[in-house]
Amino acid sequence: MIGGRRARARITELIRAARICVMTTISLDGRLVGRPMVLQRAEFDGQLWFFAYTGSVTVRQLRVNPEVELGLYDPRAQVWASITGSARDDHDQARAERLWHPGLAAWFPDGPATAGLTLVGVHPTAARCWDASGEQVELIGPVCAAPTGGSPADRREDGY
């Protein structure tokens, strides 16, 4: 398990390499719903931030059930990651301006001043990585829950 500063640095590397993730939420009728979301280019500080509309299905779903999963892929290193955590919407204009980049303009044409804009903050509780060999499952902490025990082979099996 990687902890502390190294964990944050590794997650930052994954975010920068992936650029897009799939955010999975739980619908109001209990189904899993995934959609692509643009990852912010900022240093990972213990929270992941996404732009969304206040009235969107995504925001409505996370207000009812805040549990989310983020799936990332680094094509150069052939590393897959799953980050689970709790999400909340939080309109913070200063943060929106700080995190804004032009690639978001297709969805939010007026930039950080777009009407109905909010931010979705995800507080990770676990982060798991798999490399192309499939041999290694890396649990990243302290942003993650403690491992459940068992042998390394048991944890590999859990990752396919």
N, C-alpha and C. Protein backbone atom coordinates (compact mmCIF):
# COMPACT_ATOMS: atom_id res chain seq x y z
N MET A 1 0.85 -1.18 0.00
CA MET A 1 0.00 0.00 0.00
C MET A 1 0.89 1.23 0.00
N ILE A 2 0.52 2.18 -0.82
CA ILE A 2 1.22 3.46 -0.87
C ILE A 2 0.43 4.44 -0.02
N GLY A 3 1.11 5.25 0.76
CA GLY A 3 0.41 6.19 1.63
C GLY A 3 0.88 7.62 1.45
N GLY A 4 0.12 8.53 2.05
CA GLY A 4 0.49 9.93 2.17
C GLY A 4 0.81 10.64 0.88
N ARG A 5 1.96 11.31 0.87
CA ARG A 5 2.39 12.13 -0.26
C ARG A 5 2.54 11.31 -1.53
N ARG A 6 3.09 10.09 -1.41
CA ARG A 6 3.27 9.24 -2.59
C ARG A 6 1.93 8.86 -3.20
N ALA A 7 0.92 8.60 -2.36
CA ALA A 7 -0.41 8.26 -2.86
C ALA A 7 -1.00 9.44 -3.63
N ARG A 8 -0.90 10.63 -3.05
CA ARG A 8 -1.43 11.82 -3.74
C ARG A 8 -0.71 12.06 -5.06
N ALA A 9 0.62 11.88 -5.06
CA ALA A 9 1.39 12.07 -6.30
C ALA A 9 0.96 11.05 -7.36
N ARG A 10 0.75 9.80 -6.97
CA ARG A 10 0.35 8.75 -7.92
C ARG A 10 -1.03 9.03 -8.49
N ILE A 11 -1.96 9.46 -7.64
CA ILE A 11 -3.30 9.78 -8.12
C ILE A 11 -3.24 10.98 -9.06
N THR A 12 -2.42 11.98 -8.75
CA THR A 12 -2.25 13.13 -9.64
C THR A 12 -1.73 12.68 -11.00
N GLU A 13 -0.74 11.78 -11.02
CA GLU A 13 -0.22 11.24 -12.28
C GLU A 13 -1.33 10.56 -13.09
N LEU A 14 -2.13 9.74 -12.42
CA LEU A 14 -3.23 9.04 -13.11
C LEU A 14 -4.24 10.03 -13.69
N ILE A 15 -4.58 11.04 -12.93
CA ILE A 15 -5.54 12.05 -13.37
C ILE A 15 -5.02 12.76 -14.62
N ARG A 16 -3.78 13.17 -14.58
CA ARG A 16 -3.20 13.90 -15.72
C ARG A 16 -3.10 13.02 -16.96
N ALA A 17 -2.77 11.75 -16.77
CA ALA A 17 -2.64 10.84 -17.90
C ALA A 17 -4.00 10.48 -18.49
N ALA A 18 -4.98 10.25 -17.62
CA ALA A 18 -6.29 9.80 -18.09
C ALA A 18 -7.10 10.94 -18.70
N ARG A 19 -7.10 12.11 -18.09
CA ARG A 19 -7.83 13.30 -18.53
C ARG A 19 -9.35 13.16 -18.48
N ILE A 20 -9.88 11.97 -18.73
CA ILE A 20 -11.32 11.69 -18.67
C ILE A 20 -11.50 10.46 -17.80
N CYS A 21 -12.57 10.43 -17.02
CA CYS A 21 -12.87 9.23 -16.26
C CYS A 21 -14.35 8.91 -16.49
N VAL A 22 -14.75 7.75 -16.03
CA VAL A 22 -16.17 7.40 -16.01
C VAL A 22 -16.60 7.49 -14.56
N MET A 23 -17.57 8.37 -14.30
CA MET A 23 -18.15 8.49 -12.97
C MET A 23 -19.42 7.66 -12.94
N THR A 24 -19.48 6.74 -11.99
CA THR A 24 -20.67 5.91 -11.83
C THR A 24 -21.39 6.31 -10.55
N THR A 25 -22.67 6.60 -10.71
CA THR A 25 -23.53 6.94 -9.58
C THR A 25 -24.63 5.89 -9.49
N ILE A 26 -25.47 6.02 -8.50
CA ILE A 26 -26.61 5.10 -8.33
C ILE A 26 -27.88 5.88 -8.62
N SER A 27 -28.65 5.38 -9.59
CA SER A 27 -29.88 6.07 -9.99
C SER A 27 -30.92 6.01 -8.87
N LEU A 28 -31.98 6.78 -9.03
CA LEU A 28 -33.03 6.82 -8.02
C LEU A 28 -33.73 5.47 -7.86
N ASP A 29 -33.68 4.62 -8.92
CA ASP A 29 -34.28 3.29 -8.81
C ASP A 29 -33.24 2.20 -8.53
N GLY A 30 -32.01 2.60 -8.15
CA GLY A 30 -31.00 1.65 -7.72
C GLY A 30 -30.06 1.12 -8.79
N ARG A 31 -30.23 1.55 -10.05
CA ARG A 31 -29.35 1.09 -11.12
C ARG A 31 -28.04 1.88 -11.10
N LEU A 32 -26.96 1.25 -11.58
CA LEU A 32 -25.69 1.94 -11.74
C LEU A 32 -25.72 2.73 -13.04
N VAL A 33 -25.25 3.97 -13.00
CA VAL A 33 -25.26 4.84 -14.17
C VAL A 33 -23.88 5.47 -14.31
N GLY A 34 -23.22 5.25 -15.45
CA GLY A 34 -21.91 5.82 -15.68
C GLY A 34 -21.96 6.87 -16.78
N ARG A 35 -21.07 7.84 -16.67
CA ARG A 35 -20.94 8.86 -17.70
C ARG A 35 -19.53 9.41 -17.68
N PRO A 36 -19.01 9.84 -18.86
CA PRO A 36 -17.66 10.41 -18.89
C PRO A 36 -17.65 11.79 -18.23
N MET A 37 -16.59 12.05 -17.49
CA MET A 37 -16.40 13.34 -16.84
C MET A 37 -14.96 13.78 -17.05
N VAL A 38 -14.76 15.07 -17.26
CA VAL A 38 -13.42 15.62 -17.46
C VAL A 38 -12.75 15.75 -16.09
N LEU A 39 -11.56 15.17 -15.98
CA LEU A 39 -10.78 15.28 -14.75
C LEU A 39 -10.09 16.63 -14.71
N GLN A 40 -10.01 17.23 -13.56
CA GLN A 40 -9.35 18.52 -13.42
C GLN A 40 -7.84 18.34 -13.45
N ARG A 41 -7.17 19.33 -13.97
CA ARG A 41 -5.73 19.25 -14.15
C ARG A 41 -4.95 19.70 -12.91
N ALA A 42 -5.64 19.94 -11.83
CA ALA A 42 -5.01 20.42 -10.60
C ALA A 42 -4.35 19.26 -9.84
N GLU A 43 -3.46 19.61 -8.97
CA GLU A 43 -2.82 18.64 -8.08
C GLU A 43 -3.89 18.00 -7.20
N PHE A 44 -3.83 16.70 -7.01
CA PHE A 44 -4.78 16.01 -6.15
C PHE A 44 -4.49 16.39 -4.70
N ASP A 45 -5.49 16.95 -4.02
CA ASP A 45 -5.31 17.42 -2.65
C ASP A 45 -6.20 16.67 -1.66
N GLY A 46 -6.69 15.51 -2.08
CA GLY A 46 -7.60 14.74 -1.23
C GLY A 46 -9.03 14.81 -1.71
N GLN A 47 -9.31 15.68 -2.67
CA GLN A 47 -10.64 15.81 -3.28
C GLN A 47 -10.46 15.83 -4.79
N LEU A 48 -11.40 15.25 -5.50
CA LEU A 48 -11.45 15.36 -6.96
C LEU A 48 -12.65 16.25 -7.29
N TRP A 49 -12.48 17.16 -8.23
CA TRP A 49 -13.54 18.12 -8.56
C TRP A 49 -13.97 18.00 -10.01
N PHE A 50 -15.28 18.11 -10.23
CA PHE A 50 -15.88 18.03 -11.56
C PHE A 50 -16.88 19.15 -11.72
N PHE A 51 -17.04 19.63 -12.94
CA PHE A 51 -18.06 20.63 -13.25
C PHE A 51 -19.34 19.91 -13.64
N ALA A 52 -20.47 20.44 -13.22
CA ALA A 52 -21.78 19.87 -13.54
C ALA A 52 -22.82 20.98 -13.45
N TYR A 53 -24.03 20.66 -13.89
CA TYR A 53 -25.16 21.57 -13.73
C TYR A 53 -25.93 21.17 -12.49
N THR A 54 -26.37 22.15 -11.73
CA THR A 54 -27.10 21.92 -10.49
C THR A 54 -28.30 21.01 -10.69
N GLY A 55 -29.04 21.18 -11.79
CA GLY A 55 -30.24 20.39 -12.03
C GLY A 55 -30.01 19.11 -12.79
N SER A 56 -28.76 18.71 -12.99
CA SER A 56 -28.46 17.52 -13.79
C SER A 56 -28.85 16.24 -13.06
N VAL A 57 -29.01 15.19 -13.82
CA VAL A 57 -29.31 13.87 -13.26
C VAL A 57 -28.18 13.45 -12.32
N THR A 58 -26.96 13.72 -12.71
CA THR A 58 -25.80 13.36 -11.88
C THR A 58 -25.92 13.96 -10.48
N VAL A 59 -26.18 15.25 -10.42
CA VAL A 59 -26.27 15.93 -9.12
C VAL A 59 -27.48 15.44 -8.33
N ARG A 60 -28.61 15.24 -9.01
CA ARG A 60 -29.79 14.72 -8.30
C ARG A 60 -29.50 13.35 -7.70
N GLN A 61 -28.81 12.49 -8.46
CA GLN A 61 -28.50 11.15 -7.97
C GLN A 61 -27.56 11.20 -6.76
N LEU A 62 -26.53 12.01 -6.82
CA LEU A 62 -25.59 12.01 -5.70
C LEU A 62 -26.15 12.69 -4.46
N ARG A 63 -27.17 13.52 -4.62
CA ARG A 63 -27.83 14.09 -3.44
C ARG A 63 -28.62 13.02 -2.69
N VAL A 64 -29.12 12.01 -3.41
CA VAL A 64 -29.88 10.92 -2.79
C VAL A 64 -28.92 9.85 -2.26
N ASN A 65 -27.92 9.51 -3.06
CA ASN A 65 -26.92 8.52 -2.65
C ASN A 65 -25.56 9.03 -3.10
N PRO A 66 -24.75 9.53 -2.18
CA PRO A 66 -23.49 10.17 -2.55
C PRO A 66 -22.35 9.23 -2.95
N GLU A 67 -22.57 7.92 -2.87
CA GLU A 67 -21.49 6.98 -3.22
C GLU A 67 -21.25 6.97 -4.72
N VAL A 68 -19.97 7.12 -5.12
CA VAL A 68 -19.60 7.13 -6.53
C VAL A 68 -18.37 6.26 -6.74
N GLU A 69 -18.16 5.89 -8.00
CA GLU A 69 -16.95 5.20 -8.42
C GLU A 69 -16.42 5.93 -9.65
N LEU A 70 -15.11 6.15 -9.68
CA LEU A 70 -14.46 6.79 -10.82
C LEU A 70 -13.52 5.77 -11.45
N GLY A 71 -13.70 5.52 -12.73
CA GLY A 71 -12.83 4.61 -13.46
C GLY A 71 -11.89 5.40 -14.34
N LEU A 72 -10.58 5.18 -14.20
CA LEU A 72 -9.56 5.91 -14.96
C LEU A 72 -8.67 4.92 -15.69
N TYR A 73 -8.09 5.38 -16.81
CA TYR A 73 -7.15 4.56 -17.56
C TYR A 73 -6.01 5.43 -18.06
N ASP A 74 -4.78 5.01 -17.78
CA ASP A 74 -3.58 5.67 -18.28
C ASP A 74 -3.08 4.82 -19.45
N PRO A 75 -3.31 5.28 -20.70
CA PRO A 75 -2.97 4.44 -21.85
C PRO A 75 -1.46 4.22 -22.03
N ARG A 76 -0.64 5.20 -21.68
CA ARG A 76 0.81 5.03 -21.83
C ARG A 76 1.35 3.96 -20.89
N ALA A 77 0.99 4.04 -19.64
CA ALA A 77 1.49 3.10 -18.64
C ALA A 77 0.65 1.84 -18.56
N GLN A 78 -0.47 1.81 -19.25
CA GLN A 78 -1.43 0.71 -19.20
C GLN A 78 -1.79 0.37 -17.76
N VAL A 79 -2.29 1.40 -17.06
CA VAL A 79 -2.73 1.26 -15.68
C VAL A 79 -4.20 1.64 -15.61
N TRP A 80 -4.98 0.80 -14.96
CA TRP A 80 -6.37 1.07 -14.72
C TRP A 80 -6.53 1.39 -13.25
N ALA A 81 -7.43 2.31 -12.93
CA ALA A 81 -7.65 2.66 -11.52
C ALA A 81 -9.13 2.78 -11.26
N SER A 82 -9.52 2.41 -10.07
CA SER A 82 -10.88 2.58 -9.58
C SER A 82 -10.79 3.35 -8.28
N ILE A 83 -11.44 4.50 -8.26
CA ILE A 83 -11.46 5.32 -7.05
C ILE A 83 -12.91 5.38 -6.58
N THR A 84 -13.15 4.97 -5.36
CA THR A 84 -14.50 5.06 -4.80
C THR A 84 -14.51 6.12 -3.72
N GLY A 85 -15.69 6.70 -3.52
CA GLY A 85 -15.78 7.73 -2.50
C GLY A 85 -17.17 8.31 -2.39
N SER A 86 -17.27 9.38 -1.64
CA SER A 86 -18.53 10.11 -1.45
C SER A 86 -18.46 11.42 -2.19
N ALA A 87 -19.56 11.79 -2.83
CA ALA A 87 -19.61 13.02 -3.62
C ALA A 87 -20.64 13.99 -3.06
N ARG A 88 -20.41 15.26 -3.33
CA ARG A 88 -21.37 16.30 -2.95
C ARG A 88 -21.25 17.43 -3.95
N ASP A 89 -22.35 18.13 -4.15
CA ASP A 89 -22.27 19.31 -5.02
C ASP A 89 -21.99 20.52 -4.14
N ASP A 90 -21.19 21.41 -4.67
CA ASP A 90 -20.72 22.56 -3.90
C ASP A 90 -20.38 23.68 -4.86
N HIS A 91 -21.27 24.66 -4.97
CA HIS A 91 -20.95 25.78 -5.85
C HIS A 91 -20.01 26.72 -5.12
N ASP A 92 -18.79 26.75 -5.58
CA ASP A 92 -17.75 27.61 -5.03
C ASP A 92 -17.16 28.36 -6.23
N GLN A 93 -17.57 29.59 -6.40
CA GLN A 93 -17.17 30.37 -7.57
C GLN A 93 -15.66 30.51 -7.68
N ALA A 94 -15.00 30.78 -6.57
CA ALA A 94 -13.55 30.94 -6.60
C ALA A 94 -12.87 29.64 -7.05
N ARG A 95 -13.33 28.50 -6.55
CA ARG A 95 -12.76 27.22 -6.95
C ARG A 95 -13.05 26.95 -8.42
N ALA A 96 -14.27 27.26 -8.87
CA ALA A 96 -14.62 27.06 -10.28
C ALA A 96 -13.69 27.86 -11.18
N GLU A 97 -13.41 29.09 -10.82
CA GLU A 97 -12.51 29.92 -11.62
C GLU A 97 -11.09 29.36 -11.60
N ARG A 98 -10.65 28.85 -10.46
CA ARG A 98 -9.31 28.29 -10.33
C ARG A 98 -9.16 27.00 -11.15
N LEU A 99 -10.21 26.16 -11.18
CA LEU A 99 -10.15 24.88 -11.86
C LEU A 99 -10.52 24.94 -13.34
N TRP A 100 -11.08 26.06 -13.78
CA TRP A 100 -11.58 26.18 -15.14
C TRP A 100 -10.45 26.00 -16.16
N HIS A 101 -10.77 25.33 -17.26
CA HIS A 101 -9.87 25.30 -18.42
C HIS A 101 -10.72 25.29 -19.67
N PRO A 102 -10.19 25.79 -20.78
CA PRO A 102 -10.97 25.98 -22.01
C PRO A 102 -11.64 24.72 -22.55
N GLY A 103 -11.09 23.55 -22.26
CA GLY A 103 -11.69 22.31 -22.74
C GLY A 103 -13.09 22.06 -22.22
N LEU A 104 -13.50 22.77 -21.18
CA LEU A 104 -14.84 22.62 -20.60
C LEU A 104 -15.89 23.48 -21.30
N ALA A 105 -15.45 24.38 -22.17
CA ALA A 105 -16.36 25.34 -22.79
C ALA A 105 -17.44 24.66 -23.64
N ALA A 106 -17.19 23.48 -24.15
CA ALA A 106 -18.20 22.78 -24.95
C ALA A 106 -19.44 22.48 -24.12
N TRP A 107 -19.27 22.26 -22.82
CA TRP A 107 -20.40 21.94 -21.94
C TRP A 107 -20.88 23.15 -21.15
N PHE A 108 -19.97 24.06 -20.89
CA PHE A 108 -20.28 25.24 -20.07
C PHE A 108 -19.83 26.48 -20.83
N PRO A 109 -20.67 26.93 -21.79
CA PRO A 109 -20.25 27.97 -22.75
C PRO A 109 -19.88 29.32 -22.14
N ASP A 110 -20.39 29.64 -20.98
CA ASP A 110 -20.05 30.93 -20.36
C ASP A 110 -18.97 30.77 -19.30
N GLY A 111 -18.21 29.70 -19.38
CA GLY A 111 -17.12 29.48 -18.45
C GLY A 111 -17.62 29.32 -17.03
N PRO A 112 -16.82 29.75 -16.06
CA PRO A 112 -17.23 29.61 -14.66
C PRO A 112 -18.47 30.42 -14.31
N ALA A 113 -18.87 31.33 -15.19
CA ALA A 113 -20.07 32.14 -14.94
C ALA A 113 -21.33 31.50 -15.54
N THR A 114 -21.23 30.29 -16.09
CA THR A 114 -22.37 29.61 -16.69
C THR A 114 -23.49 29.46 -15.66
N ALA A 115 -24.70 29.87 -16.05
CA ALA A 115 -25.86 29.75 -15.15
C ALA A 115 -26.10 28.29 -14.79
N GLY A 116 -26.34 28.03 -13.52
CA GLY A 116 -26.63 26.68 -13.05
C GLY A 116 -25.41 25.81 -12.82
N LEU A 117 -24.23 26.38 -12.98
CA LEU A 117 -23.00 25.62 -12.79
C LEU A 117 -22.78 25.30 -11.31
N THR A 118 -22.34 24.10 -11.06
CA THR A 118 -21.90 23.73 -9.71
C THR A 118 -20.68 22.85 -9.85
N LEU A 119 -20.03 22.60 -8.76
CA LEU A 119 -18.92 21.66 -8.74
C LEU A 119 -19.35 20.42 -7.96
N VAL A 120 -18.85 19.29 -8.39
CA VAL A 120 -19.06 18.04 -7.67
C VAL A 120 -17.70 17.67 -7.08
N GLY A 121 -17.65 17.58 -5.77
CA GLY A 121 -16.44 17.18 -5.08
C GLY A 121 -16.54 15.73 -4.67
N VAL A 122 -15.53 14.94 -4.99
CA VAL A 122 -15.49 13.54 -4.61
C VAL A 122 -14.38 13.37 -3.59
N HIS A 123 -14.74 12.87 -2.42
CA HIS A 123 -13.77 12.55 -1.38
C HIS A 123 -13.49 11.05 -1.47
N PRO A 124 -12.31 10.67 -1.98
CA PRO A 124 -12.02 9.24 -2.13
C PRO A 124 -11.91 8.52 -0.80
N THR A 125 -12.44 7.32 -0.77
CA THR A 125 -12.29 6.44 0.39
C THR A 125 -11.43 5.24 0.06
N ALA A 126 -11.28 4.92 -1.23
CA ALA A 126 -10.41 3.82 -1.66
C ALA A 126 -9.95 4.08 -3.08
N ALA A 127 -8.72 3.65 -3.37
CA ALA A 127 -8.18 3.75 -4.72
C ALA A 127 -7.39 2.47 -4.99
N ARG A 128 -7.72 1.83 -6.09
CA ARG A 128 -7.06 0.58 -6.45
C ARG A 128 -6.55 0.70 -7.87
N CYS A 129 -5.35 0.17 -8.12
CA CYS A 129 -4.74 0.22 -9.44
C CYS A 129 -4.38 -1.18 -9.91
N TRP A 130 -4.50 -1.38 -11.21
CA TRP A 130 -4.09 -2.63 -11.84
C TRP A 130 -3.19 -2.26 -13.02
N ASP A 131 -2.06 -2.96 -13.17
CA ASP A 131 -1.23 -2.72 -14.34
C ASP A 131 -1.58 -3.73 -15.42
N ALA A 132 -0.96 -3.58 -16.59
CA ALA A 132 -1.30 -4.41 -17.75
C ALA A 132 -1.03 -5.89 -17.52
N SER A 133 -0.08 -6.22 -16.65
CA SER A 133 0.23 -7.63 -16.41
C SER A 133 -0.88 -8.32 -15.63
N GLY A 134 -1.69 -7.54 -14.93
CA GLY A 134 -2.75 -8.12 -14.12
C GLY A 134 -2.23 -8.77 -12.85
N GLU A 135 -0.92 -8.76 -12.68
CA GLU A 135 -0.30 -9.41 -11.54
C GLU A 135 -0.34 -8.57 -10.27
N GLN A 136 -0.48 -7.28 -10.40
CA GLN A 136 -0.35 -6.43 -9.23
C GLN A 136 -1.62 -5.64 -8.99
N VAL A 137 -2.11 -5.71 -7.79
CA VAL A 137 -3.19 -4.84 -7.34
C VAL A 137 -2.56 -3.95 -6.28
N GLU A 138 -2.61 -2.67 -6.51
CA GLU A 138 -1.98 -1.73 -5.60
C GLU A 138 -3.05 -0.95 -4.87
N LEU A 139 -3.11 -1.08 -3.56
CA LEU A 139 -4.06 -0.32 -2.77
C LEU A 139 -3.39 0.97 -2.34
N ILE A 140 -3.99 2.08 -2.66
CA ILE A 140 -3.41 3.38 -2.35
C ILE A 140 -4.09 3.95 -1.12
N GLY A 141 -3.36 4.46 -0.16
CA GLY A 141 -3.88 5.08 1.04
C GLY A 141 -3.03 6.27 1.39
N PRO A 142 -3.38 7.07 2.36
CA PRO A 142 -4.46 6.92 3.32
C PRO A 142 -5.81 7.36 2.79
N VAL A 143 -5.90 7.65 1.50
CA VAL A 143 -7.20 8.03 0.96
C VAL A 143 -8.12 6.82 0.86
N CYS A 144 -7.59 5.64 1.15
CA CYS A 144 -8.42 4.45 1.00
C CYS A 144 -8.72 3.81 2.34
N ALA A 145 -9.72 2.98 2.31
CA ALA A 145 -10.05 2.19 3.50
C ALA A 145 -8.95 1.17 3.71
N ALA A 146 -8.80 0.70 4.90
CA ALA A 146 -7.79 -0.31 5.20
C ALA A 146 -8.09 -1.58 4.42
N PRO A 147 -7.05 -2.29 3.98
CA PRO A 147 -7.29 -3.55 3.28
C PRO A 147 -8.07 -4.51 4.17
N THR A 148 -8.83 -5.37 3.55
CA THR A 148 -9.69 -6.27 4.29
C THR A 148 -8.96 -7.50 4.78
N GLY A 149 -7.68 -7.58 4.50
CA GLY A 149 -6.91 -8.75 4.94
C GLY A 149 -6.81 -9.75 3.83
N GLY A 150 -6.34 -10.92 4.17
CA GLY A 150 -6.16 -11.95 3.17
C GLY A 150 -4.79 -11.82 2.53
N SER A 151 -4.45 -12.80 1.72
CA SER A 151 -3.14 -12.83 1.09
C SER A 151 -3.12 -11.94 -0.14
N PRO A 152 -1.93 -11.61 -0.65
CA PRO A 152 -1.86 -10.84 -1.91
C PRO A 152 -2.58 -11.57 -3.04
N ALA A 153 -2.53 -12.89 -3.05
CA ALA A 153 -3.23 -13.64 -4.09
C ALA A 153 -4.74 -13.41 -3.99
N ASP A 154 -5.27 -13.35 -2.76
CA ASP A 154 -6.70 -13.09 -2.59
C ASP A 154 -7.05 -11.73 -3.15
N ARG A 155 -6.19 -10.73 -2.90
CA ARG A 155 -6.48 -9.38 -3.39
C ARG A 155 -6.36 -9.34 -4.92
N ARG A 156 -5.42 -10.09 -5.51
CA ARG A 156 -5.31 -10.14 -6.97
C ARG A 156 -6.58 -10.74 -7.56
N GLU A 157 -7.06 -11.79 -6.93
CA GLU A 157 -8.26 -12.47 -7.42
C GLU A 157 -9.45 -11.50 -7.42
N ASP A 158 -9.50 -10.66 -6.41
CA ASP A 158 -10.56 -9.67 -6.31
C ASP A 158 -10.54 -8.72 -7.50
N GLY A 159 -9.38 -8.51 -8.12
CA GLY A 159 -9.25 -7.61 -9.24
C GLY A 159 -9.32 -8.31 -10.58
N TYR A 160 -9.76 -9.56 -10.62
CA TYR A 160 -9.93 -10.42 -11.81
C TYR A 160 -8.79 -11.32 -12.01
